[in-house]
Amino acid sequence: MNGYETTAAIRAEEALGARCRMPIIALTAHSMKGDCERCLAAGMDAFVTKPSRASELFEAIECTCSATLQ
């Protein structure tokens, strides 16, 4: 499975009555125009490109988890 297929499977399981939404952050070396939008449209919550700084990844995790808990 690739990231898009995995995200679709997770979101399908959640639609069946999951207790909470699992945060999904795309971490990819493929950073072409439209990739971020494609990931978000597929159900991912955030998008980080490689190489990345730890601070960028931590910020994505913090923002995604904060939004998930609300």
PDB file of N, CA and C in Angstrom:
ATOM      1  N   MET A   1       0.838  -1.182   0.000  1.00  0.00           N
ATOM      2  CA  MET A   1       0.000   0.000   0.000  1.00  0.00           C
ATOM      3  C   MET A   1       0.881   1.241   0.000  1.00  0.00           C
ATOM      4  N   ASN A   2       0.445   2.241  -0.748  1.00  0.00           N
ATOM      5  CA  ASN A   2       1.137   3.516  -0.657  1.00  0.00           C
ATOM      6  C   ASN A   2       0.413   4.394   0.374  1.00  0.00           C
ATOM      7  N   GLY A   3       0.883   5.586   0.566  1.00  0.00           N
ATOM      8  CA  GLY A   3       0.294   6.468   1.573  1.00  0.00           C
ATOM      9  C   GLY A   3      -1.152   6.826   1.300  1.00  0.00           C
ATOM     10  N   TYR A   4      -1.488   6.995   0.026  1.00  0.00           N
ATOM     11  CA  TYR A   4      -2.871   7.330  -0.328  1.00  0.00           C
ATOM     12  C   TYR A   4      -3.816   6.159  -0.032  1.00  0.00           C
ATOM     13  N   GLU A   5      -3.383   4.956  -0.383  1.00  0.00           N
ATOM     14  CA  GLU A   5      -4.194   3.759  -0.126  1.00  0.00           C
ATOM     15  C   GLU A   5      -4.349   3.512   1.374  1.00  0.00           C
ATOM     16  N   THR A   6      -3.268   3.712   2.109  1.00  0.00           N
ATOM     17  CA  THR A   6      -3.311   3.526   3.552  1.00  0.00           C
ATOM     18  C   THR A   6      -4.250   4.538   4.208  1.00  0.00           C
ATOM     19  N   THR A   7      -4.162   5.790   3.768  1.00  0.00           N
ATOM     20  CA  THR A   7      -5.044   6.824   4.304  1.00  0.00           C
ATOM     21  C   THR A   7      -6.497   6.483   4.014  1.00  0.00           C
ATOM     22  N   ALA A   8      -6.786   6.044   2.794  1.00  0.00           N
ATOM     23  CA  ALA A   8      -8.160   5.679   2.430  1.00  0.00           C
ATOM     24  C   ALA A   8      -8.670   4.537   3.302  1.00  0.00           C
ATOM     25  N   ALA A   9      -7.821   3.545   3.563  1.00  0.00           N
ATOM     26  CA  ALA A   9      -8.228   2.409   4.396  1.00  0.00           C
ATOM     27  C   ALA A   9      -8.495   2.848   5.836  1.00  0.00           C
ATOM     28  N   ILE A  10      -7.639   3.700   6.360  1.00  0.00           N
ATOM     29  CA  ILE A  10      -7.829   4.188   7.733  1.00  0.00           C
ATOM     30  C   ILE A  10      -9.110   5.006   7.828  1.00  0.00           C
ATOM     31  N   ARG A  11      -9.317   5.921   6.882  1.00  0.00           N
ATOM     32  CA  ARG A  11     -10.518   6.760   6.918  1.00  0.00           C
ATOM     33  C   ARG A  11     -11.790   5.927   6.711  1.00  0.00           C
ATOM     34  N   ALA A  12     -11.719   4.866   5.918  1.00  0.00           N
ATOM     35  CA  ALA A  12     -12.874   3.982   5.731  1.00  0.00           C
ATOM     36  C   ALA A  12     -13.218   3.263   7.033  1.00  0.00           C
ATOM     37  N   GLU A  13     -12.211   2.805   7.754  1.00  0.00           N
ATOM     38  CA  GLU A  13     -12.443   2.167   9.053  1.00  0.00           C
ATOM     39  C   GLU A  13     -13.055   3.155  10.038  1.00  0.00           C
ATOM     40  N   GLU A  14     -12.560   4.371  10.023  1.00  0.00           N
ATOM     41  CA  GLU A  14     -13.093   5.393  10.917  1.00  0.00           C
ATOM     42  C   GLU A  14     -14.558   5.690  10.613  1.00  0.00           C
ATOM     43  N   ALA A  15     -14.915   5.640   9.350  1.00  0.00           N
ATOM     44  CA  ALA A  15     -16.294   5.908   8.948  1.00  0.00           C
ATOM     45  C   ALA A  15     -17.257   4.841   9.479  1.00  0.00           C
ATOM     46  N   LEU A  16     -16.723   3.684   9.810  1.00  0.00           N
ATOM     47  CA  LEU A  16     -17.547   2.603  10.344  1.00  0.00           C
ATOM     48  C   LEU A  16     -17.792   2.733  11.842  1.00  0.00           C
ATOM     49  N   GLY A  17     -17.236   3.795  12.428  1.00  0.00           N
ATOM     50  CA  GLY A  17     -17.520   4.018  13.843  1.00  0.00           C
ATOM     51  C   GLY A  17     -16.313   4.063  14.744  1.00  0.00           C
ATOM     52  N   ALA A  18     -15.201   4.497  14.244  1.00  0.00           N
ATOM     53  CA  ALA A  18     -14.022   4.614  15.093  1.00  0.00           C
ATOM     54  C   ALA A  18     -14.272   5.626  16.204  1.00  0.00           C
ATOM     55  N   ARG A  19     -13.645   5.413  17.325  1.00  0.00           N
ATOM     56  CA  ARG A  19     -13.835   6.285  18.478  1.00  0.00           C
ATOM     57  C   ARG A  19     -13.208   7.657  18.272  1.00  0.00           C
ATOM     58  N   CYS A  20     -12.113   7.699  17.519  1.00  0.00           N
ATOM     59  CA  CYS A  20     -11.466   8.990  17.277  1.00  0.00           C
ATOM     60  C   CYS A  20     -10.770   8.962  15.913  1.00  0.00           C
ATOM     61  N   ARG A  21     -10.447  10.143  15.421  1.00  0.00           N
ATOM     62  CA  ARG A  21      -9.780  10.278  14.128  1.00  0.00           C
ATOM     63  C   ARG A  21      -8.271  10.169  14.329  1.00  0.00           C
ATOM     64  N   MET A  22      -7.642   9.298  13.547  1.00  0.00           N
ATOM     65  CA  MET A  22      -6.206   9.128  13.618  1.00  0.00           C
ATOM     66  C   MET A  22      -5.529  10.234  12.809  1.00  0.00           C
ATOM     67  N   PRO A  23      -4.597  10.965  13.408  1.00  0.00           N
ATOM     68  CA  PRO A  23      -3.881  11.978  12.644  1.00  0.00           C
ATOM     69  C   PRO A  23      -2.927  11.317  11.646  1.00  0.00           C
ATOM     70  N   ILE A  24      -2.924  11.820  10.419  1.00  0.00           N
ATOM     71  CA  ILE A  24      -2.043  11.292   9.377  1.00  0.00           C
ATOM     72  C   ILE A  24      -1.259  12.459   8.789  1.00  0.00           C
ATOM     73  N   ILE A  25       0.067  12.343   8.844  1.00  0.00           N
ATOM     74  CA  ILE A  25       0.948  13.365   8.300  1.00  0.00           C
ATOM     75  C   ILE A  25       1.754  12.757   7.161  1.00  0.00           C
ATOM     76  N   ALA A  26       1.648  13.354   5.981  1.00  0.00           N
ATOM     77  CA  ALA A  26       2.440  12.906   4.840  1.00  0.00           C
ATOM     78  C   ALA A  26       3.864  13.411   5.021  1.00  0.00           C
ATOM     79  N   LEU A  27       4.830  12.525   4.912  1.00  0.00           N
ATOM     80  CA  LEU A  27       6.240  12.884   4.967  1.00  0.00           C
ATOM     81  C   LEU A  27       6.846  12.345   3.687  1.00  0.00           C
ATOM     82  N   THR A  28       7.152  13.224   2.759  1.00  0.00           N
ATOM     83  CA  THR A  28       7.530  12.776   1.431  1.00  0.00           C
ATOM     84  C   THR A  28       8.677  13.576   0.833  1.00  0.00           C
ATOM     85  N   ALA A  29       9.427  12.940  -0.032  1.00  0.00           N
ATOM     86  CA  ALA A  29      10.477  13.623  -0.775  1.00  0.00           C
ATOM     87  C   ALA A  29       9.911  14.190  -2.069  1.00  0.00           C
ATOM     88  N   HIS A  30       8.731  13.766  -2.433  1.00  0.00           N
ATOM     89  CA  HIS A  30       8.090  14.240  -3.655  1.00  0.00           C
ATOM     90  C   HIS A  30       7.361  15.540  -3.356  1.00  0.00           C
ATOM     91  N   SER A  31       7.935  16.626  -3.831  1.00  0.00           N
ATOM     92  CA  SER A  31       7.350  17.922  -3.525  1.00  0.00           C
ATOM     93  C   SER A  31       7.092  18.702  -4.806  1.00  0.00           C
ATOM     94  N   MET A  32       6.156  18.234  -5.557  1.00  0.00           N
ATOM     95  CA  MET A  32       5.788  18.920  -6.784  1.00  0.00           C
ATOM     96  C   MET A  32       4.537  19.747  -6.538  1.00  0.00           C
ATOM     97  N   LYS A  33       4.300  20.689  -7.419  1.00  0.00           N
ATOM     98  CA  LYS A  33       3.129  21.543  -7.285  1.00  0.00           C
ATOM     99  C   LYS A  33       1.865  20.686  -7.208  1.00  0.00           C
ATOM    100  N   GLY A  34       1.045  20.953  -6.222  1.00  0.00           N
ATOM    101  CA  GLY A  34      -0.207  20.232  -6.051  1.00  0.00           C
ATOM    102  C   GLY A  34      -0.132  19.023  -5.143  1.00  0.00           C
ATOM    103  N   ASP A  35       1.067  18.592  -4.764  1.00  0.00           N
ATOM    104  CA  ASP A  35       1.194  17.404  -3.909  1.00  0.00           C
ATOM    105  C   ASP A  35       0.542  17.607  -2.547  1.00  0.00           C
ATOM    106  N   CYS A  36       0.760  18.756  -1.948  1.00  0.00           N
ATOM    107  CA  CYS A  36       0.170  19.025  -0.633  1.00  0.00           C
ATOM    108  C   CYS A  36      -1.352  18.964  -0.723  1.00  0.00           C
ATOM    109  N   GLU A  37      -1.909  19.618  -1.713  1.00  0.00           N
ATOM    110  CA  GLU A  37      -3.361  19.630  -1.893  1.00  0.00           C
ATOM    111  C   GLU A  37      -3.899  18.227  -2.138  1.00  0.00           C
ATOM    112  N   ARG A  38      -3.155  17.427  -2.901  1.00  0.00           N
ATOM    113  CA  ARG A  38      -3.583  16.047  -3.189  1.00  0.00           C
ATOM    114  C   ARG A  38      -3.607  15.213  -1.905  1.00  0.00           C
ATOM    115  N   CYS A  39      -2.594  15.385  -1.064  1.00  0.00           N
ATOM    116  CA  CYS A  39      -2.543  14.650   0.208  1.00  0.00           C
ATOM    117  C   CYS A  39      -3.695  15.055   1.118  1.00  0.00           C
ATOM    118  N   LEU A  40      -3.939  16.350   1.224  1.00  0.00           N
ATOM    119  CA  LEU A  40      -5.024  16.824   2.083  1.00  0.00           C
ATOM    120  C   LEU A  40      -6.376  16.356   1.555  1.00  0.00           C
ATOM    121  N   ALA A  41      -6.551  16.372   0.238  1.00  0.00           N
ATOM    122  CA  ALA A  41      -7.800  15.902  -0.364  1.00  0.00           C
ATOM    123  C   ALA A  41      -8.003  14.402  -0.142  1.00  0.00           C
ATOM    124  N   ALA A  42      -6.912  13.664   0.011  1.00  0.00           N
ATOM    125  CA  ALA A  42      -6.987  12.219   0.240  1.00  0.00           C
ATOM    126  C   ALA A  42      -7.312  11.877   1.692  1.00  0.00           C
ATOM    127  N   GLY A  43      -7.349  12.907   2.566  1.00  0.00           N
ATOM    128  CA  GLY A  43      -7.705  12.659   3.953  1.00  0.00           C
ATOM    129  C   GLY A  43      -6.553  12.788   4.931  1.00  0.00           C
ATOM    130  N   MET A  44      -5.376  13.153   4.430  1.00  0.00           N
ATOM    131  CA  MET A  44      -4.250  13.379   5.335  1.00  0.00           C
ATOM    132  C   MET A  44      -4.449  14.727   6.015  1.00  0.00           C
ATOM    133  N   ASP A  45      -3.836  14.888   7.164  1.00  0.00           N
ATOM    134  CA  ASP A  45      -4.037  16.102   7.956  1.00  0.00           C
ATOM    135  C   ASP A  45      -2.947  17.144   7.770  1.00  0.00           C
ATOM    136  N   ALA A  46      -1.770  16.724   7.363  1.00  0.00           N
ATOM    137  CA  ALA A  46      -0.657  17.655   7.191  1.00  0.00           C
ATOM    138  C   ALA A  46       0.313  17.075   6.171  1.00  0.00           C
ATOM    139  N   PHE A  47       1.231  17.916   5.733  1.00  0.00           N
ATOM    140  CA  PHE A  47       2.173  17.560   4.672  1.00  0.00           C
ATOM    141  C   PHE A  47       3.529  18.164   5.011  1.00  0.00           C
ATOM    142  N   VAL A  48       4.566  17.327   5.086  1.00  0.00           N
ATOM    143  CA  VAL A  48       5.927  17.782   5.360  1.00  0.00           C
ATOM    144  C   VAL A  48       6.830  17.164   4.304  1.00  0.00           C
ATOM    145  N   THR A  49       7.712  17.991   3.722  1.00  0.00           N
ATOM    146  CA  THR A  49       8.617  17.476   2.700  1.00  0.00           C
ATOM    147  C   THR A  49       9.994  17.175   3.289  1.00  0.00           C
ATOM    148  N   LYS A  50      10.660  16.209   2.670  1.00  0.00           N
ATOM    149  CA  LYS A  50      12.024  15.860   3.058  1.00  0.00           C
ATOM    150  C   LYS A  50      12.973  16.522   2.071  1.00  0.00           C
ATOM    151  N   PRO A  51      14.150  16.903   2.454  1.00  0.00           N
ATOM    152  CA  PRO A  51      14.607  16.851   3.841  1.00  0.00           C
ATOM    153  C   PRO A  51      13.862  17.888   4.670  1.00  0.00           C
ATOM    154  N   SER A  52      13.585  17.522   5.888  1.00  0.00           N
ATOM    155  CA  SER A  52      12.849  18.437   6.764  1.00  0.00           C
ATOM    156  C   SER A  52      13.652  18.675   8.029  1.00  0.00           C
ATOM    157  N   ARG A  53      13.340  19.760   8.652  1.00  0.00           N
ATOM    158  CA  ARG A  53      13.927  20.045   9.961  1.00  0.00           C
ATOM    159  C   ARG A  53      13.025  19.421  11.009  1.00  0.00           C
ATOM    160  N   ALA A  54      13.624  19.028  12.105  1.00  0.00           N
ATOM    161  CA  ALA A  54      12.849  18.427  13.189  1.00  0.00           C
ATOM    162  C   ALA A  54      11.751  19.377  13.634  1.00  0.00           C
ATOM    163  N   SER A  55      12.051  20.666  13.657  1.00  0.00           N
ATOM    164  CA  SER A  55      11.050  21.637  14.105  1.00  0.00           C
ATOM    165  C   SER A  55       9.824  21.643  13.192  1.00  0.00           C
ATOM    166  N   GLU A  56      10.018  21.439  11.891  1.00  0.00           N
ATOM    167  CA  GLU A  56       8.885  21.386  10.954  1.00  0.00           C
ATOM    168  C   GLU A  56       8.003  20.181  11.229  1.00  0.00           C
ATOM    169  N   LEU A  57       8.634  19.040  11.461  1.00  0.00           N
ATOM    170  CA  LEU A  57       7.874  17.825  11.744  1.00  0.00           C
ATOM    171  C   LEU A  57       7.157  17.939  13.088  1.00  0.00           C
ATOM    172  N   PHE A  58       7.843  18.432  14.099  1.00  0.00           N
ATOM    173  CA  PHE A  58       7.215  18.591  15.416  1.00  0.00           C
ATOM    174  C   PHE A  58       6.046  19.563  15.368  1.00  0.00           C
ATOM    175  N   GLU A  59       6.179  20.623  14.576  1.00  0.00           N
ATOM    176  CA  GLU A  59       5.089  21.580  14.440  1.00  0.00           C
ATOM    177  C   GLU A  59       3.877  20.930  13.765  1.00  0.00           C
ATOM    178  N   ALA A  60       4.120  20.132  12.732  1.00  0.00           N
ATOM    179  CA  ALA A  60       3.020  19.436  12.065  1.00  0.00           C
ATOM    180  C   ALA A  60       2.332  18.467  13.019  1.00  0.00           C
ATOM    181  N   ILE A  61       3.124  17.760  13.810  1.00  0.00           N
ATOM    182  CA  ILE A  61       2.551  16.821  14.788  1.00  0.00           C
ATOM    183  C   ILE A  61       1.717  17.577  15.820  1.00  0.00           C
ATOM    184  N   GLU A  62       2.267  18.653  16.350  1.00  0.00           N
ATOM    185  CA  GLU A  62       1.557  19.420  17.368  1.00  0.00           C
ATOM    186  C   GLU A  62       0.251  19.997  16.819  1.00  0.00           C
ATOM    187  N   CYS A  63       0.306  20.599  15.649  1.00  0.00           N
ATOM    188  CA  CYS A  63      -0.891  21.194  15.063  1.00  0.00           C
ATOM    189  C   CYS A  63      -1.941  20.138  14.741  1.00  0.00           C
ATOM    190  N   THR A  64      -1.501  19.033  14.189  1.00  0.00           N
ATOM    191  CA  THR A  64      -2.424  17.965  13.805  1.00  0.00           C
ATOM    192  C   THR A  64      -3.073  17.335  15.037  1.00  0.00           C
ATOM    193  N   CYS A  65      -2.281  17.047  16.034  1.00  0.00           N
ATOM    194  CA  CYS A  65      -2.835  16.429  17.243  1.00  0.00           C
ATOM    195  C   CYS A  65      -3.728  17.394  17.996  1.00  0.00           C
ATOM    196  N   SER A  66      -3.375  18.661  18.034  1.00  0.00           N
ATOM    197  CA  SER A  66      -4.224  19.659  18.699  1.00  0.00           C
ATOM    198  C   SER A  66      -5.567  19.757  18.017  1.00  0.00           C
ATOM    199  N   ALA A  67      -5.567  19.766  16.699  1.00  0.00           N
ATOM    200  CA  ALA A  67      -6.822  19.866  15.946  1.00  0.00           C
ATOM    201  C   ALA A  67      -7.654  18.606  16.112  1.00  0.00           C
ATOM    202  N   THR A  68      -7.012  17.448  16.207  1.00  0.00           N
ATOM    203  CA  THR A  68      -7.711  16.174  16.357  1.00  0.00           C
ATOM    204  C   THR A  68      -8.409  16.085  17.711  1.00  0.00           C
ATOM    205  N   LEU A  69      -7.792  16.648  18.730  1.00  0.00           N
ATOM    206  CA  LEU A  69      -8.351  16.573  20.076  1.00  0.00           C
ATOM    207  C   LEU A  69      -9.517  17.523  20.304  1.00  0.00           C
ATOM    208  N   GLN A  70      -9.667  18.506  19.444  1.00  0.00           N
ATOM    209  CA  GLN A  70     -10.742  19.487  19.652  1.00  0.00           C
ATOM    210  C   GLN A  70     -12.048  19.011  19.101  1.00  0.00           C
TER     211      GLN A  70
END
